[in-house]
Amino acid sequence: MAVLRTIHTGLTVHDLEQMKGFFVDCLGAQAGETRQIPTGETLGHITGVQGAQARVAMLTLPGGHVVELLQYSAPPSATVTAPRPCDIGAAHLALEVESVASLAQDSQGFGFQLAGSAQFLTGGLFAGRWVTYIRDSHGFTLELIGGP
């Protein structure tokens, strides 16, 4: 058995409409269907979370990667913010961008801030590029990699 391909990246968000706006207006994603996942046991069986209810939006980023944004209405979240990058279970989505500084600035209008500071890498896979993390007030984290 082998993995055939990546289908999508699913990310749980605090406010589906706000995050969908960010992905479309700031990141240039194409919005697909937004819908309520039908009430019933299917989502709970898939996720292992009994009584799970959620709305979902599918977005396609430039380059073709599909992101599934989920906002759960039940059960209540066990956390208020996402884990720190050093915490087990933390995740982020890395995006290649034209300008790290410009996108970081534009993202502020959607509630994102630099998590640290942009760094120029001199070695490794991303040598010669700038890299930084941006986070919103709920800890939703993106990594920006690209030009200054």
N, C-alpha and C. Protein backbone atom coordinates (compact mmCIF):
# COMPACT_ATOMS: atom_id res chain seq x y z
N MET A 1 0.85 -1.19 0.00
CA MET A 1 0.00 0.00 0.00
C MET A 1 0.89 1.24 0.00
N ALA A 2 0.53 2.18 -0.83
CA ALA A 2 1.32 3.40 -0.96
C ALA A 2 0.40 4.61 -0.96
N VAL A 3 0.91 5.71 -0.46
CA VAL A 3 0.18 6.98 -0.56
C VAL A 3 0.20 7.39 -2.02
N LEU A 4 -0.94 7.77 -2.54
CA LEU A 4 -1.04 8.16 -3.95
C LEU A 4 -0.82 9.66 -4.15
N ARG A 5 -1.38 10.49 -3.23
CA ARG A 5 -1.22 11.93 -3.33
C ARG A 5 -1.79 12.59 -2.09
N THR A 6 -1.48 13.84 -1.91
CA THR A 6 -2.10 14.65 -0.87
C THR A 6 -3.40 15.20 -1.44
N ILE A 7 -4.49 15.10 -0.68
CA ILE A 7 -5.79 15.57 -1.15
C ILE A 7 -6.08 16.98 -0.64
N HIS A 8 -5.93 17.19 0.66
CA HIS A 8 -6.15 18.52 1.24
C HIS A 8 -5.52 18.58 2.62
N THR A 9 -5.45 19.79 3.14
CA THR A 9 -5.04 20.02 4.52
C THR A 9 -6.24 20.58 5.25
N GLY A 10 -6.67 19.92 6.31
CA GLY A 10 -7.81 20.37 7.10
C GLY A 10 -7.35 21.16 8.32
N LEU A 11 -7.93 22.32 8.52
CA LEU A 11 -7.56 23.20 9.63
C LEU A 11 -8.81 23.67 10.36
N THR A 12 -8.84 23.50 11.68
CA THR A 12 -9.96 23.97 12.48
C THR A 12 -9.74 25.43 12.85
N VAL A 13 -10.77 26.25 12.65
CA VAL A 13 -10.66 27.69 12.87
C VAL A 13 -11.76 28.17 13.83
N HIS A 14 -11.53 29.34 14.39
CA HIS A 14 -12.48 29.93 15.33
C HIS A 14 -13.66 30.57 14.61
N ASP A 15 -13.39 31.24 13.49
CA ASP A 15 -14.42 31.98 12.75
C ASP A 15 -14.26 31.67 11.27
N LEU A 16 -15.11 30.81 10.75
CA LEU A 16 -14.99 30.32 9.38
C LEU A 16 -15.06 31.45 8.36
N GLU A 17 -16.00 32.36 8.50
CA GLU A 17 -16.16 33.44 7.51
C GLU A 17 -14.97 34.38 7.52
N GLN A 18 -14.47 34.72 8.70
CA GLN A 18 -13.31 35.61 8.80
C GLN A 18 -12.08 34.96 8.17
N MET A 19 -11.85 33.68 8.49
CA MET A 19 -10.67 33.00 7.96
C MET A 19 -10.80 32.75 6.45
N LYS A 20 -12.02 32.47 6.01
CA LYS A 20 -12.25 32.31 4.57
C LYS A 20 -11.94 33.62 3.85
N GLY A 21 -12.36 34.75 4.42
CA GLY A 21 -12.04 36.06 3.85
C GLY A 21 -10.54 36.30 3.77
N PHE A 22 -9.83 35.92 4.80
CA PHE A 22 -8.37 36.05 4.82
C PHE A 22 -7.74 35.23 3.70
N PHE A 23 -8.15 33.98 3.58
CA PHE A 23 -7.57 33.11 2.55
C PHE A 23 -7.86 33.64 1.15
N VAL A 24 -9.06 34.16 0.93
CA VAL A 24 -9.43 34.66 -0.40
C VAL A 24 -8.81 36.03 -0.66
N ASP A 25 -9.03 36.98 0.24
CA ASP A 25 -8.65 38.38 0.00
C ASP A 25 -7.16 38.65 0.21
N CYS A 26 -6.51 37.92 1.10
CA CYS A 26 -5.10 38.19 1.40
C CYS A 26 -4.18 37.17 0.72
N LEU A 27 -4.59 35.90 0.70
CA LEU A 27 -3.72 34.86 0.16
C LEU A 27 -4.03 34.49 -1.29
N GLY A 28 -5.13 35.01 -1.84
CA GLY A 28 -5.46 34.76 -3.23
C GLY A 28 -6.07 33.40 -3.50
N ALA A 29 -6.64 32.77 -2.49
CA ALA A 29 -7.28 31.46 -2.67
C ALA A 29 -8.59 31.60 -3.43
N GLN A 30 -8.96 30.54 -4.09
CA GLN A 30 -10.27 30.46 -4.75
C GLN A 30 -11.20 29.72 -3.81
N ALA A 31 -12.33 30.34 -3.49
CA ALA A 31 -13.29 29.73 -2.56
C ALA A 31 -14.15 28.73 -3.30
N GLY A 32 -14.29 27.58 -2.69
CA GLY A 32 -15.22 26.57 -3.19
C GLY A 32 -16.46 26.59 -2.33
N GLU A 33 -17.07 25.46 -2.19
CA GLU A 33 -18.31 25.32 -1.43
C GLU A 33 -18.09 25.54 0.07
N THR A 34 -19.01 26.27 0.68
CA THR A 34 -19.09 26.36 2.13
C THR A 34 -20.42 25.73 2.51
N ARG A 35 -20.36 24.79 3.45
CA ARG A 35 -21.60 24.10 3.80
C ARG A 35 -21.56 23.61 5.23
N GLN A 36 -22.76 23.34 5.74
CA GLN A 36 -22.92 22.69 7.03
C GLN A 36 -22.79 21.19 6.79
N ILE A 37 -21.91 20.55 7.52
CA ILE A 37 -21.83 19.09 7.43
C ILE A 37 -23.11 18.54 8.04
N PRO A 38 -23.80 17.65 7.34
CA PRO A 38 -25.10 17.16 7.83
C PRO A 38 -25.01 16.62 9.27
N THR A 39 -25.99 17.00 10.07
CA THR A 39 -26.07 16.52 11.44
C THR A 39 -26.28 15.02 11.42
N GLY A 40 -25.65 14.36 12.33
CA GLY A 40 -25.73 12.90 12.40
C GLY A 40 -24.44 12.39 13.01
N GLU A 41 -24.23 11.12 12.87
CA GLU A 41 -23.07 10.50 13.49
C GLU A 41 -21.87 10.38 12.57
N THR A 42 -22.02 10.69 11.28
CA THR A 42 -20.92 10.47 10.33
C THR A 42 -19.66 11.22 10.73
N LEU A 43 -19.76 12.53 10.99
CA LEU A 43 -18.58 13.31 11.35
C LEU A 43 -17.95 12.79 12.64
N GLY A 44 -18.78 12.44 13.60
CA GLY A 44 -18.26 11.89 14.84
C GLY A 44 -17.53 10.57 14.63
N HIS A 45 -18.05 9.74 13.77
CA HIS A 45 -17.38 8.47 13.47
C HIS A 45 -16.06 8.70 12.75
N ILE A 46 -16.03 9.65 11.83
CA ILE A 46 -14.80 9.93 11.09
C ILE A 46 -13.73 10.49 12.02
N THR A 47 -14.10 11.48 12.83
CA THR A 47 -13.13 12.19 13.67
C THR A 47 -12.88 11.55 15.02
N GLY A 48 -13.78 10.69 15.45
CA GLY A 48 -13.67 10.13 16.79
C GLY A 48 -14.15 11.08 17.87
N VAL A 49 -14.85 12.16 17.47
CA VAL A 49 -15.38 13.14 18.41
C VAL A 49 -16.90 12.99 18.42
N GLN A 50 -17.40 12.39 19.50
CA GLN A 50 -18.83 12.13 19.60
C GLN A 50 -19.63 13.43 19.57
N GLY A 51 -20.68 13.48 18.77
CA GLY A 51 -21.55 14.65 18.68
C GLY A 51 -20.98 15.80 17.88
N ALA A 52 -19.92 15.55 17.09
CA ALA A 52 -19.29 16.62 16.32
C ALA A 52 -20.24 17.20 15.29
N GLN A 53 -20.26 18.54 15.23
CA GLN A 53 -21.02 19.28 14.24
C GLN A 53 -20.13 20.41 13.74
N ALA A 54 -20.12 20.62 12.42
CA ALA A 54 -19.21 21.64 11.88
C ALA A 54 -19.71 22.18 10.54
N ARG A 55 -19.24 23.40 10.24
CA ARG A 55 -19.36 23.97 8.91
C ARG A 55 -17.98 23.85 8.27
N VAL A 56 -17.96 23.72 6.95
CA VAL A 56 -16.70 23.51 6.24
C VAL A 56 -16.66 24.38 5.00
N ALA A 57 -15.47 24.91 4.70
CA ALA A 57 -15.23 25.66 3.46
C ALA A 57 -13.99 25.06 2.81
N MET A 58 -14.09 24.82 1.52
CA MET A 58 -12.97 24.31 0.75
C MET A 58 -12.39 25.46 -0.08
N LEU A 59 -11.07 25.64 -0.01
CA LEU A 59 -10.40 26.71 -0.73
C LEU A 59 -9.19 26.14 -1.46
N THR A 60 -8.91 26.69 -2.63
CA THR A 60 -7.74 26.26 -3.39
C THR A 60 -6.75 27.41 -3.45
N LEU A 61 -5.56 27.17 -2.91
CA LEU A 61 -4.51 28.18 -2.91
C LEU A 61 -3.84 28.26 -4.28
N PRO A 62 -3.20 29.41 -4.59
CA PRO A 62 -2.40 29.46 -5.81
C PRO A 62 -1.40 28.30 -5.79
N GLY A 63 -1.25 27.61 -6.90
CA GLY A 63 -0.40 26.43 -6.95
C GLY A 63 -1.19 25.15 -6.82
N GLY A 64 -2.49 25.26 -6.41
CA GLY A 64 -3.37 24.10 -6.43
C GLY A 64 -3.61 23.37 -5.13
N HIS A 65 -2.91 23.74 -4.04
CA HIS A 65 -3.14 23.03 -2.78
C HIS A 65 -4.52 23.38 -2.22
N VAL A 66 -5.27 22.38 -1.81
CA VAL A 66 -6.62 22.58 -1.27
C VAL A 66 -6.55 22.61 0.25
N VAL A 67 -7.21 23.61 0.83
CA VAL A 67 -7.32 23.76 2.28
C VAL A 67 -8.78 23.62 2.67
N GLU A 68 -9.04 22.80 3.66
CA GLU A 68 -10.38 22.61 4.22
C GLU A 68 -10.41 23.33 5.56
N LEU A 69 -11.22 24.38 5.65
CA LEU A 69 -11.39 25.10 6.91
C LEU A 69 -12.64 24.57 7.59
N LEU A 70 -12.53 24.22 8.86
CA LEU A 70 -13.65 23.69 9.63
C LEU A 70 -13.90 24.56 10.85
N GLN A 71 -15.16 24.89 11.09
CA GLN A 71 -15.56 25.56 12.33
C GLN A 71 -16.58 24.66 13.00
N TYR A 72 -16.19 24.10 14.13
CA TYR A 72 -17.06 23.20 14.88
C TYR A 72 -18.02 24.00 15.76
N SER A 73 -19.28 23.59 15.77
CA SER A 73 -20.26 24.19 16.67
C SER A 73 -20.52 23.27 17.86
N ALA A 74 -20.13 22.02 17.76
CA ALA A 74 -20.25 21.06 18.86
C ALA A 74 -19.24 19.95 18.64
N PRO A 75 -18.73 19.41 19.72
CA PRO A 75 -18.81 19.91 21.09
C PRO A 75 -17.96 21.17 21.24
N PRO A 76 -18.07 21.86 22.38
CA PRO A 76 -17.25 23.06 22.58
C PRO A 76 -15.76 22.70 22.52
N SER A 77 -14.97 23.63 22.04
CA SER A 77 -13.52 23.42 21.97
C SER A 77 -12.94 23.25 23.37
N ALA A 78 -11.98 22.37 23.50
CA ALA A 78 -11.30 22.17 24.78
C ALA A 78 -10.23 23.23 25.00
N THR A 79 -9.93 24.02 23.96
CA THR A 79 -8.90 25.05 24.06
C THR A 79 -9.43 26.38 23.55
N VAL A 80 -8.78 27.46 23.96
CA VAL A 80 -9.13 28.79 23.48
C VAL A 80 -8.17 29.21 22.37
N THR A 81 -6.91 28.76 22.45
CA THR A 81 -5.93 29.06 21.42
C THR A 81 -5.24 27.76 21.00
N ALA A 82 -4.65 27.81 19.82
CA ALA A 82 -3.90 26.66 19.31
C ALA A 82 -2.61 26.50 20.12
N PRO A 83 -2.02 25.33 20.08
CA PRO A 83 -0.76 25.13 20.79
C PRO A 83 0.34 26.02 20.23
N ARG A 84 1.35 26.27 21.05
CA ARG A 84 2.54 26.98 20.57
C ARG A 84 3.27 26.08 19.58
N PRO A 85 4.11 26.64 18.72
CA PRO A 85 4.83 25.80 17.76
C PRO A 85 5.64 24.68 18.42
N CYS A 86 6.07 24.86 19.65
CA CYS A 86 6.88 23.84 20.33
C CYS A 86 6.04 22.77 21.01
N ASP A 87 4.72 22.93 21.06
CA ASP A 87 3.84 21.99 21.74
C ASP A 87 3.48 20.81 20.84
N ILE A 88 3.45 19.63 21.42
CA ILE A 88 3.07 18.43 20.68
C ILE A 88 1.68 18.64 20.09
N GLY A 89 1.53 18.30 18.84
CA GLY A 89 0.26 18.45 18.15
C GLY A 89 0.13 19.75 17.39
N ALA A 90 1.06 20.67 17.59
CA ALA A 90 1.01 21.94 16.86
C ALA A 90 1.26 21.68 15.37
N ALA A 91 0.65 22.50 14.53
CA ALA A 91 0.83 22.38 13.09
C ALA A 91 0.79 23.77 12.48
N HIS A 92 1.34 23.88 11.29
CA HIS A 92 1.25 25.13 10.54
C HIS A 92 1.26 24.79 9.06
N LEU A 93 0.83 25.75 8.27
CA LEU A 93 0.83 25.63 6.82
C LEU A 93 1.90 26.58 6.30
N ALA A 94 2.84 26.08 5.51
CA ALA A 94 3.92 26.91 4.96
C ALA A 94 3.56 27.32 3.54
N LEU A 95 3.72 28.61 3.25
CA LEU A 95 3.37 29.16 1.95
C LEU A 95 4.57 29.86 1.33
N GLU A 96 4.86 29.57 0.07
CA GLU A 96 5.87 30.32 -0.65
C GLU A 96 5.21 31.60 -1.15
N VAL A 97 5.80 32.74 -0.83
CA VAL A 97 5.21 34.04 -1.15
C VAL A 97 6.22 34.91 -1.88
N GLU A 98 5.72 35.91 -2.62
CA GLU A 98 6.62 36.84 -3.31
C GLU A 98 7.41 37.67 -2.30
N SER A 99 6.71 38.21 -1.30
CA SER A 99 7.34 39.09 -0.33
C SER A 99 6.82 38.77 1.07
N VAL A 100 7.70 38.26 1.91
CA VAL A 100 7.33 37.94 3.29
C VAL A 100 6.85 39.19 4.01
N ALA A 101 7.58 40.29 3.87
CA ALA A 101 7.22 41.53 4.58
C ALA A 101 5.87 42.06 4.12
N SER A 102 5.62 42.06 2.82
CA SER A 102 4.35 42.59 2.31
C SER A 102 3.16 41.75 2.77
N LEU A 103 3.29 40.42 2.68
CA LEU A 103 2.17 39.58 3.09
C LEU A 103 1.96 39.65 4.60
N ALA A 104 3.04 39.72 5.36
CA ALA A 104 2.90 39.86 6.81
C ALA A 104 2.16 41.17 7.14
N GLN A 105 2.49 42.23 6.42
CA GLN A 105 1.82 43.52 6.63
C GLN A 105 0.34 43.42 6.25
N ASP A 106 0.04 42.85 5.08
CA ASP A 106 -1.34 42.72 4.62
C ASP A 106 -2.17 41.86 5.57
N SER A 107 -1.55 40.86 6.16
CA SER A 107 -2.28 39.94 7.05
C SER A 107 -2.74 40.62 8.34
N GLN A 108 -2.11 41.73 8.70
CA GLN A 108 -2.50 42.43 9.92
C GLN A 108 -3.95 42.91 9.86
N GLY A 109 -4.43 43.23 8.68
CA GLY A 109 -5.82 43.65 8.51
C GLY A 109 -6.81 42.52 8.80
N PHE A 110 -6.31 41.31 8.90
CA PHE A 110 -7.15 40.14 9.20
C PHE A 110 -6.84 39.58 10.58
N GLY A 111 -6.14 40.36 11.41
CA GLY A 111 -5.88 39.96 12.79
C GLY A 111 -4.62 39.14 13.00
N PHE A 112 -3.74 39.06 12.02
CA PHE A 112 -2.49 38.31 12.17
C PHE A 112 -1.37 39.26 12.59
N GLN A 113 -0.42 38.71 13.33
CA GLN A 113 0.78 39.44 13.74
C GLN A 113 1.98 38.52 13.54
N LEU A 114 3.16 39.12 13.42
CA LEU A 114 4.37 38.31 13.39
C LEU A 114 4.48 37.56 14.72
N ALA A 115 4.80 36.28 14.65
CA ALA A 115 4.99 35.50 15.87
C ALA A 115 6.36 35.80 16.47
N GLY A 116 7.32 36.07 15.64
CA GLY A 116 8.68 36.41 16.06
C GLY A 116 9.17 37.51 15.14
N SER A 117 10.24 37.23 14.40
CA SER A 117 10.73 38.19 13.41
C SER A 117 11.19 37.44 12.17
N ALA A 118 11.13 38.11 11.04
CA ALA A 118 11.55 37.50 9.79
C ALA A 118 13.06 37.26 9.84
N GLN A 119 13.48 36.11 9.35
CA GLN A 119 14.89 35.74 9.34
C GLN A 119 15.32 35.36 7.94
N PHE A 120 16.52 35.79 7.56
CA PHE A 120 17.11 35.41 6.28
C PHE A 120 17.91 34.14 6.51
N LEU A 121 17.60 33.10 5.75
CA LEU A 121 18.27 31.82 5.94
C LEU A 121 19.49 31.71 5.02
N THR A 122 20.61 31.29 5.59
CA THR A 122 21.85 31.18 4.81
C THR A 122 22.20 29.73 4.50
N GLY A 123 21.47 28.79 5.06
CA GLY A 123 21.74 27.38 4.78
C GLY A 123 20.46 26.57 4.78
N GLY A 124 20.56 25.34 4.33
CA GLY A 124 19.41 24.45 4.36
C GLY A 124 18.54 24.57 3.12
N LEU A 125 17.41 23.91 3.17
CA LEU A 125 16.50 23.82 2.03
C LEU A 125 16.02 25.19 1.54
N PHE A 126 15.86 26.15 2.46
CA PHE A 126 15.34 27.47 2.08
C PHE A 126 16.41 28.55 2.12
N ALA A 127 17.65 28.18 1.92
CA ALA A 127 18.76 29.14 1.90
C ALA A 127 18.48 30.24 0.88
N GLY A 128 18.77 31.47 1.28
CA GLY A 128 18.58 32.61 0.40
C GLY A 128 17.18 33.19 0.43
N ARG A 129 16.36 32.69 1.33
CA ARG A 129 14.98 33.18 1.44
C ARG A 129 14.74 33.71 2.85
N TRP A 130 13.70 34.54 2.92
CA TRP A 130 13.23 35.05 4.20
C TRP A 130 12.14 34.13 4.72
N VAL A 131 12.07 33.95 6.04
CA VAL A 131 11.08 33.06 6.66
C VAL A 131 10.57 33.72 7.93
N THR A 132 9.25 33.61 8.14
CA THR A 132 8.66 34.05 9.40
C THR A 132 7.36 33.31 9.64
N TYR A 133 6.92 33.28 10.87
CA TYR A 133 5.59 32.77 11.23
C TYR A 133 4.69 33.97 11.51
N ILE A 134 3.42 33.84 11.10
CA ILE A 134 2.39 34.79 11.51
C ILE A 134 1.31 34.00 12.23
N ARG A 135 0.70 34.63 13.24
CA ARG A 135 -0.34 33.97 14.04
C ARG A 135 -1.48 34.94 14.28
N ASP A 136 -2.71 34.39 14.36
CA ASP A 136 -3.83 35.24 14.75
C ASP A 136 -4.04 35.10 16.25
N SER A 137 -5.05 35.77 16.78
CA SER A 137 -5.26 35.80 18.23
C SER A 137 -5.65 34.43 18.81
N HIS A 138 -6.03 33.50 17.93
CA HIS A 138 -6.39 32.15 18.39
C HIS A 138 -5.25 31.16 18.16
N GLY A 139 -4.11 31.66 17.72
CA GLY A 139 -2.94 30.81 17.54
C GLY A 139 -2.85 30.13 16.18
N PHE A 140 -3.76 30.44 15.27
CA PHE A 140 -3.70 29.88 13.92
C PHE A 140 -2.42 30.38 13.27
N THR A 141 -1.57 29.46 12.82
CA THR A 141 -0.22 29.81 12.40
C THR A 141 0.06 29.46 10.95
N LEU A 142 0.66 30.41 10.24
CA LEU A 142 1.15 30.20 8.88
C LEU A 142 2.63 30.54 8.85
N GLU A 143 3.38 29.82 8.03
CA GLU A 143 4.77 30.14 7.80
C GLU A 143 4.89 30.75 6.41
N LEU A 144 5.55 31.88 6.33
CA LEU A 144 5.76 32.58 5.05
C LEU A 144 7.20 32.42 4.66
N ILE A 145 7.45 31.98 3.43
CA ILE A 145 8.80 31.75 2.92
C ILE A 145 8.92 32.44 1.57
N GLY A 146 9.92 33.30 1.40
CA GLY A 146 10.07 33.95 0.10
C GLY A 146 11.02 35.11 0.12
N GLY A 147 10.75 36.05 -0.77
CA GLY A 147 11.59 37.24 -0.89
C GLY A 147 11.35 38.20 0.27
N PRO A 148 12.18 39.24 0.32
CA PRO A 148 12.06 40.19 1.46
C PRO A 148 10.72 40.91 1.53
